[in-house]
Protein backbone atom coordinates (compact mmCIF):
# COMPACT_ATOMS: atom_id res chain seq x y z
CA MET A 1 0.00 0.00 0.00
CA PHE A 2 2.85 2.38 0.85
CA VAL A 3 4.43 1.77 -2.56
CA PHE A 4 1.10 2.49 -4.27
CA PHE A 5 0.70 5.88 -2.58
CA LYS A 6 4.36 6.69 -3.16
CA ASN A 7 4.01 5.99 -6.88
CA MET A 8 0.79 8.02 -7.00
CA GLY A 9 2.71 10.91 -5.46
CA HIS A 10 5.34 10.66 -8.19
CA VAL A 11 2.64 10.62 -10.88
CA LEU A 12 0.93 13.69 -9.44
CA TYR A 13 4.30 15.44 -9.13
CA ARG A 14 4.88 14.82 -12.86
CA ILE A 15 1.45 16.08 -13.81
CA TRP A 16 1.96 19.19 -11.68
CA PHE A 17 5.25 19.87 -13.47
CA TYR A 18 3.61 19.92 -16.90
CA ILE A 19 0.83 22.14 -15.58
CA LEU A 20 3.46 24.59 -14.34
CA VAL A 21 5.29 24.47 -17.68
CA ALA A 22 2.12 25.34 -19.58
CA LEU A 23 0.34 27.72 -17.21
CA PRO A 24 2.70 30.75 -17.34
CA ILE A 25 2.94 30.38 -21.12
CA ILE A 26 -0.83 30.47 -21.43
CA VAL A 27 -1.22 33.40 -19.01
CA PHE A 28 1.52 35.50 -20.60
CA PHE A 29 0.98 34.24 -24.15
CA PRO A 30 0.29 37.68 -25.74
CA PHE A 31 3.42 39.21 -24.20
CA LEU A 32 5.60 36.19 -25.03
CA LEU A 33 4.32 36.18 -28.60
CA LEU A 34 4.99 39.90 -29.08
CA THR A 35 8.56 39.54 -27.84
CA THR A 36 9.26 36.71 -30.32
CA LEU A 37 8.10 38.60 -33.41
CA SER A 38 11.58 40.07 -33.82
CA GLU A 39 15.09 39.13 -32.68
CA LYS A 40 15.42 42.73 -31.47
CA THR A 41 13.01 42.00 -28.61
CA TYR A 42 14.60 38.72 -27.54
CA LYS A 43 16.04 40.26 -24.37
CA GLN A 44 12.51 41.16 -23.28
CA PHE A 45 11.40 37.59 -24.01
CA PHE A 46 14.32 36.27 -21.97
CA TRP A 47 13.35 38.49 -19.02
CA LEU A 48 9.80 37.14 -19.08
CA ALA A 49 10.96 33.53 -19.46
CA ARG A 50 13.47 33.89 -16.63
CA ASN A 51 11.29 35.69 -14.10
CA PHE A 52 7.79 34.38 -14.77
CA TRP A 53 8.26 30.97 -16.39
CA ALA A 54 11.44 29.42 -14.97
CA ARG A 55 10.98 30.69 -11.41
CA THR A 56 7.32 29.68 -11.34
CA ILE A 57 8.26 26.12 -12.28
CA LEU A 58 11.18 25.75 -9.88
CA TYR A 59 9.44 27.25 -6.86
CA GLY A 60 6.12 25.67 -7.78
CA MET A 61 7.79 22.26 -7.78
CA GLY A 62 9.27 22.98 -4.37
CA CYS A 63 12.78 23.08 -5.88
CA PHE A 64 14.55 25.96 -4.18
CA PRO A 65 17.75 27.20 -5.91
CA ARG A 66 20.99 27.56 -4.00
CA ILE A 67 23.68 28.99 -6.25
CA VAL A 68 27.39 29.49 -5.57
CA ARG A 69 29.30 31.74 -8.00
CA GLU A 70 33.08 31.58 -8.17
CA GLN A 71 33.00 34.29 -10.84
CA LYS A 72 30.26 36.62 -12.03
CA MET A 73 29.29 37.34 -15.62
CA GLU A 74 29.62 40.92 -16.78
CA LYS A 75 26.51 42.66 -18.01
CA GLY A 76 26.44 43.04 -21.79
CA LYS A 77 29.19 40.47 -22.40
CA SER A 78 28.73 37.22 -24.33
CA TYR A 79 29.60 33.81 -22.91
CA MET A 80 29.38 30.13 -23.76
CA LEU A 81 27.39 28.45 -20.98
CA VAL A 82 27.88 24.70 -20.55
CA ALA A 83 26.49 22.33 -17.91
CA ASN A 84 25.78 18.69 -17.13
CA HIS A 85 22.37 17.53 -18.34
CA THR A 86 20.22 15.11 -16.33
CA SER A 87 16.77 16.68 -16.01
CA MET A 88 14.16 18.88 -17.67
CA LEU A 89 14.74 21.22 -14.73
CA ASP A 90 18.15 22.04 -16.25
CA ILE A 91 16.46 24.36 -18.75
CA MET A 92 14.60 26.36 -16.12
CA TYR A 93 17.54 26.41 -13.73
CA MET A 94 19.89 27.69 -16.42
CA LEU A 95 17.56 30.63 -16.98
CA VAL A 96 17.66 31.42 -13.27
CA VAL A 97 21.45 31.08 -13.03
CA SER A 98 22.24 33.52 -15.86
CA LYS A 99 21.03 37.11 -15.78
CA ASN A 100 22.79 37.62 -19.10
CA PRO A 101 20.34 36.82 -21.91
CA PHE A 102 21.36 33.69 -23.79
CA VAL A 103 20.03 31.43 -26.53
CA PHE A 104 19.80 27.67 -26.13
CA VAL A 105 21.25 25.36 -28.77
CA GLY A 106 19.14 22.23 -28.52
CA LYS A 107 17.80 19.24 -30.36
CA LYS A 108 14.89 19.78 -32.72
CA GLU A 109 12.83 16.99 -31.10
CA LEU A 110 11.81 19.38 -28.29
CA VAL A 111 9.59 21.20 -30.78
CA LYS A 112 7.11 18.35 -30.34
CA ILE A 113 6.37 19.27 -26.70
CA PRO A 114 2.92 20.92 -26.61
CA VAL A 115 2.86 24.67 -25.82
CA PHE A 116 6.56 24.76 -24.90
CA GLY A 117 7.55 23.66 -28.41
CA PHE A 118 5.76 26.60 -30.01
CA PHE A 119 8.13 29.10 -28.41
CA TYR A 120 11.14 26.79 -28.44
CA LYS A 121 11.27 26.78 -32.23
CA ARG A 122 10.90 30.56 -32.33
CA VAL A 123 13.69 31.51 -29.94
CA CYS A 124 16.20 28.63 -29.79
CA ILE A 125 18.84 27.45 -32.23
CA MET A 126 17.67 23.99 -33.19
CA VAL A 127 20.02 21.31 -34.40
CA ASP A 128 19.48 17.90 -35.97
CA ARG A 129 22.53 16.04 -34.70
CA GLU A 130 22.19 13.46 -37.47
CA ASN A 131 22.31 16.11 -40.19
CA ILE A 132 25.70 17.63 -41.09
CA LYS A 133 24.09 20.61 -42.81
CA SER A 134 22.02 21.34 -39.70
CA ARG A 135 25.08 21.16 -37.42
CA THR A 136 27.00 23.50 -39.72
CA GLY A 137 24.12 25.98 -39.77
CA VAL A 138 24.27 26.29 -35.98
CA TYR A 139 27.52 28.25 -36.20
CA ARG A 140 26.03 30.78 -38.60
CA ARG A 141 22.94 31.32 -36.46
CA ALA A 142 24.98 31.49 -33.26
CA GLN A 143 27.27 34.12 -34.81
CA ARG A 144 24.27 36.34 -35.51
CA ARG A 145 23.02 36.00 -31.94
CA LEU A 146 26.47 36.71 -30.49
CA ASP A 147 26.68 39.81 -32.68
CA GLN A 148 23.48 40.94 -30.96
CA GLY A 149 25.21 40.77 -27.59
CA LEU A 150 23.65 37.51 -26.45
CA SER A 151 25.30 34.45 -24.92
CA VAL A 152 24.87 30.84 -26.04
CA CYS A 153 24.03 27.80 -23.91
CA ILE A 154 24.84 24.22 -24.92
CA PHE A 155 24.63 20.98 -22.93
CA PRO A 156 27.84 19.46 -24.34
CA GLU A 157 26.97 15.83 -23.56
CA GLY A 158 24.61 16.02 -26.51
CA GLY A 159 21.80 14.39 -24.54
CA VAL A 160 21.02 12.79 -21.21
CA PRO A 161 23.54 10.09 -20.16
CA GLU A 162 22.65 6.57 -19.07
CA GLU A 163 21.33 6.19 -15.54
CA ASP A 164 24.64 4.96 -14.07
CA VAL A 165 26.83 7.56 -15.86
CA ILE A 166 27.68 10.64 -13.81
CA LEU A 167 28.85 12.67 -16.80
CA ASP A 168 28.98 11.59 -20.43
CA GLN A 169 31.72 12.51 -22.91
CA PHE A 170 31.49 16.05 -24.28
CA LYS A 171 30.96 17.00 -27.92
CA ASP A 172 33.26 19.55 -29.57
CA GLY A 173 30.63 22.06 -30.71
CA ALA A 174 30.46 24.39 -27.72
CA PHE A 175 34.22 24.66 -27.40
CA LYS A 176 34.87 25.09 -31.10
CA MET A 177 32.30 27.88 -31.16
CA ALA A 178 33.71 29.56 -28.04
CA ILE A 179 37.21 29.61 -29.50
CA ALA A 180 36.00 30.83 -32.89
CA HIS A 181 34.17 33.76 -31.27
CA LYS A 182 36.74 34.37 -28.50
CA ILE A 183 34.16 34.19 -25.70
CA PRO A 184 34.72 32.70 -22.22
CA VAL A 185 33.38 29.24 -21.41
CA VAL A 186 31.31 29.19 -18.20
CA PRO A 187 31.10 25.72 -16.58
CA ILE A 188 27.91 25.33 -14.57
CA ILE A 189 27.28 22.32 -12.37
CA PHE A 190 23.79 21.10 -11.42
CA TYR A 191 24.01 18.73 -8.46
CA ASP A 192 20.44 17.84 -7.54
CA ASN A 193 18.23 18.22 -10.63
CA LYS A 194 18.35 14.51 -11.38
CA LYS A 195 17.32 13.69 -7.82
CA ARG A 196 14.44 16.19 -7.92
CA PHE A 197 13.08 15.44 -11.40
CA SER A 198 14.88 12.81 -13.44
CA PHE A 199 13.76 11.19 -16.68
CA THR A 200 12.80 8.09 -14.68
CA PHE A 201 9.03 8.41 -14.37
CA LEU A 202 8.39 7.17 -10.83
CA SER A 203 11.00 9.31 -9.11
CA GLY A 204 11.70 12.79 -7.82
CA GLY A 205 10.45 15.16 -5.18
CA PRO A 206 10.85 18.70 -3.82
CA GLY A 207 13.92 20.04 -2.05
CA ILE A 208 17.02 22.19 -2.45
CA VAL A 209 18.61 22.29 -5.92
CA ARG A 210 22.26 23.30 -5.79
CA ALA A 211 24.25 24.83 -8.64
CA LYS A 212 27.76 26.19 -8.99
CA VAL A 213 29.13 28.66 -11.52
CA HIS A 214 32.78 27.72 -11.84
CA HIS A 215 35.67 30.02 -12.76
CA PHE A 216 35.53 30.83 -16.48
CA PHE A 217 37.84 29.43 -19.12
CA GLU A 218 39.16 32.23 -21.34
CA THR A 219 39.58 31.49 -25.04
CA GLY A 220 41.20 34.67 -26.34
CA ILE A 221 44.59 33.11 -27.09
CA LEU A 222 43.30 29.67 -28.14
CA ALA A 223 43.14 28.30 -31.68
CA GLU A 224 40.75 25.70 -33.12
CA GLU A 225 43.25 22.90 -32.55
CA ASP A 226 42.97 23.61 -28.81
CA LYS A 227 39.27 22.69 -28.69
CA SER A 228 39.88 19.12 -27.50
CA THR A 229 42.09 20.27 -24.64
CA LEU A 230 39.58 22.92 -23.62
CA ARG A 231 36.75 20.41 -23.84
CA GLU A 232 38.48 17.92 -21.53
CA GLU A 233 39.57 20.59 -19.04
CA VAL A 234 36.02 21.86 -18.69
CA ARG A 235 34.61 18.34 -18.42
CA ASP A 236 37.18 17.44 -15.77
CA VAL A 237 36.14 20.41 -13.63
CA ILE A 238 32.46 19.45 -13.79
CA LEU A 239 33.12 15.74 -13.25
CA LYS A 240 35.27 16.27 -10.16
CA GLU A 241 32.66 18.57 -8.64
CA LEU A 242 29.88 16.08 -9.29
CA GLU A 243 31.85 13.20 -7.81
CA THR A 244 32.63 15.26 -4.70
CA ARG A 245 29.23 16.82 -4.08
CA THR A 246 26.98 13.90 -4.97
CA SER A 247 28.79 11.82 -2.37
CA ASN A 248 27.75 14.40 0.25
CA PRO A 249 24.57 13.06 1.90
CA ASP A 250 23.36 16.44 3.18
CA ASN A 251 22.85 19.80 1.50
CA SER A 252 25.91 21.57 2.91
CA PHE A 253 27.19 23.72 0.12
CA ALA A 254 29.84 26.40 -0.07
């Protein structure tokens, strides 16, 4: 009987998540739509998404952010944001972590999500990882967004790793792009998102969600042939943090 009620709680928690994803979009639909009619108003869209959509979902799910910043992003400067990817909460949490407006580079399959997908295809840089032409086009579209003073966010694992994998291997794209555009790479570590809302259906629950913004990796003097070294250095930082913090049974965090 206990297992039954526990599983029912997980199901209701999932349903509540999707309600929270859709509700702010429906309520603020006219304003969100107006701010996606032109790339010039993207910063206004980002502000709405960050403050009314992402925060509503996180706090509504009982997932309270606790963020440590080893270095702060400068207003008006572009960055390459990279993080581990284990949960749908990663999207909302990334919006909360960065005050600097950024554009997600993500897989085109997310367009299929009702309501969310409508805006996703209008404001994100979509990529078909199986299509070389699509992957090449990402660089052109990212260049235009960087020229507009925006940052770019990529989850460099290229997807969600297997259940027993702490951190998958990183793809080159984010690091190649950062070097090409001479922008700093910002490693961001999400410690608890998988525990709070993983892709395993009967799992999750409210609680603290910790994140850390690590010291930035500068790319000003790097060349394209350095992308592999940069990629592994960034991955190593995130992996070591995850191995250290996930072994901590409580929420102590500094």
